[in-house]
Amino acid sequence: MKIAVPAEVDLGEPRVAATPDTVKRLIGLGAEVAVQSGAGLASGIPDADYQAVGATIAATAGDAVSGADVVLKVRRPTVEEIAGYKSGALVIGIMDPYGNEAALAELAKAGLSTFAMELMPRITRAQVMDVLSSQANLAGYRAVIDASAEFGRALPMMMTAAGTVPAAKVFVMGAGVAGLQAIATARRLGAVVTATDVRPAAKEQVESLGAKFVAVEDEEFKQAETAAGYAKPMSAEYQAKQAALVAEHIKKQDIVITTALIPGRPAPRLVSAAMVASMKPGSVIVDLAVERGGNVEGAVPGEVADVNGVKIVGHLNVPGRLAASSSQLYAKNLFAFVETLVDKQAKALAVKWDDELVKATLLTRDGAVVHPNFAPKVEGAAQ
């Protein structure tokens, strides 16, 4: 079996889908691995490092994917890219399927079996394949580093002969994987940290990291979590109460980091223009949800906006700002999944189509979009 690792064509994507370590392991499964020349450069991996572990370096993407049984990607391939893929190939990556039905239809039309790593179920055996967590963890860390770079003051309290520098106040909105890492990082840098989330389980996690929890803790709050561990959309009444509490709290903060995302939905608006206006000049807000519409009013995708002296940081692809680390983790997520698709005795692909991991992530197969969340609805079918 041949596995291909083409370079990413999106100019804003520095990550790569395999590292020398995972290439070596893929070869150990019996694969021949072709890596496009230059694919790893933005992640600090030269072609020679791939060659040293047994990969073939292909001059072009077309050469890399020619005849490949499996194509490993960071982002969903474009129509131009898939023209070179063989029908029946497995394509595995972060597919961003929500709202991209036309792109999924093209993948199906090309006869590809495509897998969306971000749909991996959050169960014990799939933890090592959880790309959302591996990438969000780094995004949360980087959000604090980016905030501190924009903030014109020190984060820790410093007692000097010339006077005392007070500790910065950091408020993290959303205590999922990214938020918890942001809390831990801000605490390590010496800031005074508070955090909020609509999931009751988050309170204990926030406090375990040494931060103070801020939320309206009523009956609705106690029921605000899905069985899968995601936040539920809250009622308008709860949102109004929470917004009032947050508005009062934000006025006193130096740095605010927002991380709230619900899969398949636009990002919830957490910080209004009035809240931004209430903050002191020199304050910084980092919106990690800017690619999904943003949590912060006034955030501009790909820019650092200045609103009356308050900086709103809207960097795109924040995990990609730590390309070497994020590629290392993402490549391991991919390898762990590919390993489940291979018969180790025969050293050949043997996809178990009824495996729960396959069923949860499979988008297209045999010329059709097959995932129940994205398959075209049949007119006249029972609702």
Protein backbone atom coordinates (compact mmCIF):
# COMPACT_ATOMS: atom_id res chain seq x y z
CA MET A 1 0.00 0.00 0.00
CA LYS A 2 1.17 3.49 -0.83
CA ILE A 3 0.60 6.42 1.54
CA ALA A 4 1.05 9.96 0.23
CA VAL A 5 1.79 13.14 2.19
CA PRO A 6 1.35 16.14 -0.14
CA ALA A 7 2.22 19.70 0.87
CA GLU A 8 -0.71 21.86 1.96
CA VAL A 9 -1.87 24.23 -0.78
CA ASP A 10 -3.50 26.76 1.59
CA LEU A 11 -0.88 29.49 1.99
CA GLY A 12 -1.95 30.04 5.59
CA GLU A 13 -1.37 26.38 6.52
CA PRO A 14 2.18 25.63 7.70
CA ARG A 15 1.36 22.25 9.28
CA VAL A 16 2.14 18.89 7.70
CA ALA A 17 0.29 15.57 8.05
CA ALA A 18 3.31 13.35 8.83
CA THR A 19 6.61 13.67 10.67
CA PRO A 20 9.72 11.47 10.32
CA ASP A 21 8.57 9.59 13.43
CA THR A 22 5.13 8.75 12.01
CA VAL A 23 6.56 8.00 8.54
CA LYS A 24 8.86 5.44 10.15
CA ARG A 25 5.88 3.86 11.90
CA LEU A 26 3.80 3.83 8.70
CA ILE A 27 6.63 2.04 6.91
CA GLY A 28 6.66 -0.42 9.81
CA LEU A 29 3.00 -1.19 9.00
CA GLY A 30 4.11 -2.22 5.51
CA ALA A 31 3.48 1.05 3.68
CA GLU A 32 5.51 2.77 1.00
CA VAL A 33 5.42 6.48 1.93
CA ALA A 34 5.81 9.32 -0.57
CA VAL A 35 6.27 12.85 0.80
CA GLN A 36 6.07 15.88 -1.49
CA SER A 37 9.31 17.87 -1.51
CA GLY A 38 9.09 20.79 0.90
CA ALA A 39 5.92 19.54 2.65
CA GLY A 40 7.49 19.76 6.10
CA LEU A 41 9.66 22.88 5.73
CA ALA A 42 7.22 25.27 7.45
CA SER A 43 7.14 22.83 10.40
CA GLY A 44 10.94 22.68 10.56
CA ILE A 45 11.25 19.30 8.82
CA PRO A 46 13.58 19.14 5.79
CA ASP A 47 13.19 16.51 3.06
CA ALA A 48 16.40 14.79 4.23
CA ASP A 49 14.75 13.91 7.58
CA TYR A 50 11.94 12.07 5.79
CA GLN A 51 14.42 10.35 3.48
CA ALA A 52 16.49 9.21 6.44
CA VAL A 53 13.59 7.11 7.76
CA GLY A 54 12.77 5.56 4.38
CA ALA A 55 10.29 7.92 2.69
CA THR A 56 10.43 8.64 -1.03
CA ILE A 57 10.61 12.36 -1.81
CA ALA A 58 8.28 13.29 -4.68
CA ALA A 59 9.03 16.40 -6.73
CA THR A 60 5.38 17.39 -7.09
CA ALA A 61 2.04 16.74 -5.39
CA GLY A 62 0.98 14.78 -8.47
CA ASP A 63 3.98 12.48 -8.13
CA ALA A 64 3.33 12.02 -4.42
CA VAL A 65 -0.35 11.05 -4.75
CA SER A 66 -0.07 9.07 -7.99
CA GLY A 67 -1.42 5.59 -7.28
CA ALA A 68 -1.66 6.27 -3.54
CA ASP A 69 -4.06 4.11 -1.52
CA VAL A 70 -4.10 6.61 1.35
CA VAL A 71 -3.61 10.40 1.25
CA LEU A 72 -2.86 12.15 4.55
CA LYS A 73 -3.80 15.84 4.71
CA VAL A 74 -4.10 18.64 7.22
CA ARG A 75 -6.93 20.44 5.38
CA ARG A 76 -9.62 19.14 3.03
CA PRO A 77 -8.15 18.82 -0.48
CA THR A 78 -9.34 21.17 -3.20
CA VAL A 79 -11.05 20.08 -6.43
CA GLU A 80 -7.74 20.69 -8.24
CA GLU A 81 -5.87 18.46 -5.79
CA ILE A 82 -8.27 15.51 -5.95
CA ALA A 83 -7.96 15.39 -9.74
CA GLY A 84 -4.69 13.50 -9.14
CA TYR A 85 -6.08 11.05 -6.55
CA LYS A 86 -7.03 7.55 -7.65
CA SER A 87 -10.65 6.51 -7.29
CA GLY A 88 -11.16 4.46 -4.14
CA ALA A 89 -8.30 6.10 -2.22
CA LEU A 90 -8.74 6.88 1.48
CA VAL A 91 -8.27 10.58 2.23
CA ILE A 92 -7.83 11.49 5.89
CA GLY A 93 -7.65 15.02 7.30
CA ILE A 94 -9.49 17.90 8.96
CA MET A 95 -12.36 18.13 6.47
CA ASP A 96 -14.39 21.08 7.83
CA PRO A 97 -17.65 19.54 6.52
CA TYR A 98 -20.19 21.92 8.10
CA GLY A 99 -21.60 24.25 5.47
CA ASN A 100 -19.35 22.78 2.76
CA GLU A 101 -21.78 20.37 1.09
CA ALA A 102 -20.59 21.27 -2.44
CA ALA A 103 -17.00 20.34 -1.55
CA LEU A 104 -18.16 17.02 -0.05
CA ALA A 105 -20.12 16.29 -3.22
CA GLU A 106 -16.94 16.78 -5.28
CA LEU A 107 -15.03 14.35 -3.02
CA ALA A 108 -17.82 11.80 -3.45
CA LYS A 109 -17.89 12.32 -7.22
CA ALA A 110 -14.16 11.55 -7.36
CA GLY A 111 -14.86 8.13 -5.80
CA LEU A 112 -12.85 8.88 -2.64
CA SER A 113 -13.43 7.49 0.85
CA THR A 114 -12.87 10.57 3.00
CA PHE A 115 -12.52 10.71 6.78
CA ALA A 116 -12.97 13.84 8.94
CA MET A 117 -10.62 13.58 11.91
CA GLU A 118 -12.52 16.31 13.78
CA LEU A 119 -15.59 14.02 13.96
CA MET A 120 -13.67 11.38 15.95
CA PRO A 121 -15.87 10.27 18.87
CA ARG A 122 -14.66 11.28 22.31
CA ILE A 123 -14.28 7.76 23.69
CA THR A 124 -11.35 6.19 25.52
CA ARG A 125 -9.85 4.24 22.60
CA ALA A 126 -9.98 7.31 20.36
CA GLN A 127 -8.27 9.75 22.74
CA VAL A 128 -4.95 9.38 20.92
CA MET A 129 -6.76 10.33 17.66
CA ASP A 130 -8.52 13.43 19.04
CA VAL A 131 -7.28 16.21 16.75
CA LEU A 132 -9.64 18.79 18.24
CA SER A 133 -7.99 18.37 21.63
CA SER A 134 -4.39 18.17 20.38
CA GLN A 135 -4.76 21.34 18.32
CA ALA A 136 -6.96 23.26 20.79
CA ASN A 137 -4.44 22.60 23.55
CA LEU A 138 -1.76 24.43 21.56
CA ALA A 139 -4.19 27.17 20.52
CA GLY A 140 -4.98 27.90 24.18
CA TYR A 141 -1.29 28.17 25.00
CA ARG A 142 -0.58 30.38 21.98
CA ALA A 143 -3.53 32.66 22.79
CA VAL A 144 -1.85 33.67 26.05
CA ILE A 145 1.52 34.16 24.35
CA ASP A 146 -0.10 36.32 21.65
CA ALA A 147 -2.00 38.32 24.29
CA SER A 148 1.14 38.95 26.31
CA ALA A 149 2.94 40.09 23.14
CA GLU A 150 0.22 42.69 22.48
CA PHE A 151 -0.13 43.73 26.14
CA GLY A 152 2.13 46.64 27.02
CA ARG A 153 2.80 45.47 30.55
CA ALA A 154 4.27 42.50 32.44
CA LEU A 155 1.93 39.67 33.44
CA PRO A 156 3.39 38.67 36.85
CA MET A 157 3.53 40.89 39.89
CA MET A 158 7.06 42.31 40.22
CA MET A 159 8.37 43.96 43.37
CA THR A 160 11.30 46.20 42.52
CA ALA A 161 13.22 49.01 44.20
CA ALA A 162 11.43 51.39 41.83
CA GLY A 163 8.00 50.16 42.87
CA THR A 164 5.60 47.25 42.43
CA VAL A 165 4.19 46.15 39.10
CA PRO A 166 0.73 44.64 39.73
CA ALA A 167 -0.15 41.24 38.26
CA ALA A 168 -2.24 41.33 35.08
CA LYS A 169 -5.86 40.16 35.33
CA VAL A 170 -6.72 37.50 32.72
CA PHE A 171 -10.28 36.30 32.07
CA VAL A 172 -10.78 33.10 30.03
CA MET A 173 -14.23 32.54 28.50
CA GLY A 174 -14.85 28.87 27.77
CA ALA A 175 -13.06 26.19 29.78
CA GLY A 176 -12.75 23.41 27.24
CA VAL A 177 -9.35 22.10 26.15
CA ALA A 178 -8.17 25.46 24.78
CA GLY A 179 -9.52 27.41 27.72
CA LEU A 180 -7.97 25.15 30.36
CA GLN A 181 -4.58 25.38 28.67
CA ALA A 182 -4.96 29.18 28.49
CA ILE A 183 -5.72 29.26 32.21
CA ALA A 184 -2.71 27.08 33.03
CA THR A 185 -0.40 29.15 30.82
CA ALA A 186 -1.59 32.50 32.21
CA ARG A 187 -1.14 31.16 35.73
CA ARG A 188 2.40 29.98 34.92
CA LEU A 189 3.17 33.50 33.67
CA GLY A 190 2.02 34.92 36.99
CA ALA A 191 -1.34 36.48 36.07
CA VAL A 192 -4.42 36.57 38.30
CA VAL A 193 -6.84 34.34 36.36
CA THR A 194 -10.63 34.03 36.32
CA ALA A 195 -12.69 31.89 33.95
CA THR A 196 -16.25 31.10 32.95
CA ASP A 197 -18.08 28.28 31.16
CA VAL A 198 -21.70 27.11 30.89
CA ARG A 199 -20.80 23.51 31.80
CA PRO A 200 -21.00 22.74 35.54
CA ALA A 201 -18.11 20.23 35.31
CA ALA A 202 -15.82 23.08 34.25
CA LYS A 203 -15.97 24.78 37.66
CA GLU A 204 -13.92 22.10 39.41
CA GLN A 205 -11.42 21.97 36.51
CA VAL A 206 -10.97 25.76 36.55
CA GLU A 207 -10.46 25.85 40.31
CA SER A 208 -8.01 22.92 40.18
CA LEU A 209 -5.75 25.13 38.02
CA GLY A 210 -5.81 27.93 40.59
CA ALA A 211 -8.28 30.21 38.79
CA LYS A 212 -11.55 31.64 40.13
CA PHE A 213 -14.81 30.53 38.45
CA VAL A 214 -17.30 33.19 37.35
CA ALA A 215 -20.85 32.14 36.32
CA VAL A 216 -24.55 32.42 37.15
CA GLU A 217 -24.99 29.07 38.91
CA ASP A 218 -28.76 28.52 38.66
CA GLU A 219 -30.80 25.38 37.82
CA GLU A 220 -30.32 25.78 34.05
CA PHE A 221 -26.57 26.00 34.58
CA LYS A 222 -26.62 22.65 36.40
CA GLN A 223 -28.14 20.93 33.30
CA ALA A 224 -26.00 22.70 30.69
CA GLU A 225 -23.96 19.84 29.25
CA THR A 226 -24.61 17.23 26.54
CA ALA A 227 -23.88 13.53 27.03
CA ALA A 228 -20.83 13.99 24.78
CA GLY A 229 -19.44 16.65 27.11
CA TYR A 230 -20.15 19.67 24.92
CA ALA A 231 -21.86 22.86 26.07
CA LYS A 232 -25.59 23.08 25.31
CA PRO A 233 -27.02 26.28 23.79
CA MET A 234 -28.46 28.28 26.72
CA SER A 235 -31.83 30.06 26.96
CA ALA A 236 -32.08 33.76 26.18
CA GLU A 237 -32.93 34.42 29.85
CA TYR A 238 -29.78 32.67 31.09
CA GLN A 239 -27.65 34.38 28.46
CA ALA A 240 -28.92 37.78 29.63
CA LYS A 241 -28.08 37.04 33.28
CA GLN A 242 -24.66 35.66 32.39
CA ALA A 243 -23.96 38.62 30.08
CA ALA A 244 -24.74 41.08 32.87
CA LEU A 245 -22.34 39.29 35.24
CA VAL A 246 -19.63 39.06 32.58
CA ALA A 247 -20.06 42.71 31.56
CA GLU A 248 -19.35 43.84 35.10
CA HIS A 249 -16.36 41.49 35.38
CA ILE A 250 -14.79 42.39 32.01
CA LYS A 251 -14.50 46.09 32.94
CA LYS A 252 -11.74 45.21 35.41
CA GLN A 253 -9.76 42.80 33.17
CA ASP A 254 -6.49 43.42 31.35
CA ILE A 255 -6.68 40.40 29.02
CA VAL A 256 -9.73 38.43 27.86
CA ILE A 257 -9.42 35.15 25.91
CA THR A 258 -12.55 33.69 24.29
CA THR A 259 -12.64 30.04 23.22
CA ALA A 260 -16.36 29.16 22.85
CA LEU A 261 -17.32 26.94 19.92
CA ILE A 262 -20.15 24.44 19.43
CA PRO A 263 -19.48 22.01 16.52
CA GLY A 264 -21.53 22.82 13.43
CA ARG A 265 -22.83 26.15 14.71
CA PRO A 266 -21.65 29.74 14.37
CA ALA A 267 -19.56 30.85 17.35
CA PRO A 268 -21.72 32.32 20.14
CA ARG A 269 -21.32 36.08 20.71
CA LEU A 270 -19.85 36.50 24.22
CA VAL A 271 -18.32 39.98 24.20
CA SER A 272 -20.38 42.90 22.91
CA ALA A 273 -19.11 46.23 21.61
CA ALA A 274 -20.31 47.81 24.88
CA MET A 275 -18.16 45.36 26.87
CA VAL A 276 -15.14 46.16 24.68
CA ALA A 277 -15.77 49.88 25.22
CA SER A 278 -15.86 49.37 29.00
CA MET A 279 -12.29 48.00 29.08
CA LYS A 280 -9.25 50.15 29.80
CA PRO A 281 -7.10 51.35 26.88
CA GLY A 282 -4.17 48.95 26.55
CA SER A 283 -6.33 45.92 27.30
CA VAL A 284 -6.21 42.92 24.95
CA ILE A 285 -8.87 40.45 23.78
CA VAL A 286 -7.93 37.25 21.92
CA ASP A 287 -10.81 35.65 19.95
CA LEU A 288 -10.00 32.00 19.24
CA ALA A 289 -13.37 31.51 17.51
CA VAL A 290 -12.83 34.20 14.88
CA GLU A 291 -12.84 31.65 12.01
CA ARG A 292 -16.42 30.67 12.94
CA GLY A 293 -17.82 34.20 13.15
CA GLY A 294 -16.12 35.14 16.42
CA ASN A 295 -17.08 35.44 20.08
CA VAL A 296 -16.16 39.13 20.13
CA GLU A 297 -17.98 42.00 18.41
CA GLY A 298 -15.40 43.93 16.41
CA ALA A 299 -13.00 41.01 15.88
CA VAL A 300 -11.54 40.97 12.36
CA PRO A 301 -10.37 37.59 10.97
CA GLY A 302 -6.61 37.63 10.37
CA GLU A 303 -6.04 41.03 11.99
CA VAL A 304 -5.33 42.75 15.30
CA ALA A 305 -8.09 45.38 15.47
CA ASP A 306 -7.68 48.47 17.65
CA VAL A 307 -10.99 49.66 19.11
CA ASN A 308 -10.43 52.85 21.12
CA GLY A 309 -7.14 51.53 22.49
CA VAL A 310 -8.38 47.97 23.15
CA LYS A 311 -6.67 45.41 20.90
CA ILE A 312 -8.83 42.56 19.58
CA VAL A 313 -6.58 39.77 18.29
CA GLY A 314 -8.16 37.71 15.48
CA HIS A 315 -5.33 35.50 14.24
CA LEU A 316 -6.42 32.67 11.92
CA ASN A 317 -5.22 29.08 12.32
CA VAL A 318 -3.73 29.63 15.77
CA PRO A 319 -2.41 26.03 16.07
CA GLY A 320 -0.48 26.72 12.85
CA ARG A 321 1.34 29.53 14.70
CA LEU A 322 3.11 26.67 16.51
CA ALA A 323 3.55 24.58 13.37
CA ALA A 324 6.33 22.28 14.61
CA SER A 325 4.45 21.30 17.78
CA SER A 326 1.01 21.08 16.16
CA SER A 327 2.32 18.97 13.25
CA GLN A 328 4.01 16.60 15.70
CA LEU A 329 0.75 16.01 17.59
CA TYR A 330 -1.51 15.98 14.52
CA ALA A 331 0.71 13.45 12.74
CA LYS A 332 0.45 11.14 15.78
CA ASN A 333 -3.35 11.52 15.78
CA LEU A 334 -3.39 10.48 12.11
CA PHE A 335 -1.03 7.55 12.57
CA ALA A 336 -3.12 6.17 15.44
CA PHE A 337 -6.20 6.18 13.19
CA VAL A 338 -4.41 4.75 10.13
CA GLU A 339 -3.10 1.92 12.33
CA THR A 340 -6.72 0.80 12.94
CA LEU A 341 -7.29 0.58 9.15
CA VAL A 342 -4.40 -1.82 8.48
CA ASP A 343 -4.15 -5.60 8.82
CA LYS A 344 -0.77 -5.96 10.54
CA GLN A 345 -0.31 -9.60 9.53
CA ALA A 346 -1.02 -9.04 5.84
CA LYS A 347 0.52 -5.54 5.94
CA ALA A 348 -2.37 -4.29 3.81
CA LEU A 349 -5.35 -1.97 4.13
CA ALA A 350 -8.32 -3.68 5.76
CA VAL A 351 -10.90 -1.06 6.69
CA LYS A 352 -13.56 -2.34 9.11
CA TRP A 353 -16.48 -0.31 7.76
CA ASP A 354 -18.65 -1.16 10.78
CA ASP A 355 -16.05 0.05 13.32
CA GLU A 356 -17.49 2.91 15.39
CA LEU A 357 -14.47 5.13 14.64
CA VAL A 358 -14.90 4.59 10.88
CA LYS A 359 -18.66 5.16 11.00
CA ALA A 360 -18.26 8.37 13.00
CA THR A 361 -15.65 9.92 10.69
CA LEU A 362 -16.49 8.58 7.20
CA LEU A 363 -17.92 11.35 5.00
CA THR A 364 -17.91 9.90 1.48
CA ARG A 365 -17.66 6.41 -0.02
CA ASP A 366 -18.51 4.71 -3.34
CA GLY A 367 -19.50 7.97 -5.03
CA ALA A 368 -21.87 9.20 -2.31
CA VAL A 369 -21.87 11.38 0.81
CA VAL A 370 -22.62 8.76 3.47
CA HIS A 371 -22.30 10.54 6.82
CA PRO A 372 -25.84 10.94 8.25
CA ASN A 373 -25.18 14.57 9.24
CA PHE A 374 -24.14 15.60 5.73
CA ALA A 375 -25.85 13.19 3.32
CA PRO A 376 -28.34 14.96 1.03
CA LYS A 377 -31.90 14.71 2.37
CA VAL A 378 -34.21 12.68 0.14
CA GLU A 379 -37.38 14.61 -0.73
CA GLY A 380 -40.54 12.99 0.54
CA ALA A 381 -38.64 10.84 3.06
CA ALA A 382 -40.21 10.36 6.49
CA GLN A 383 -39.12 13.05 8.92
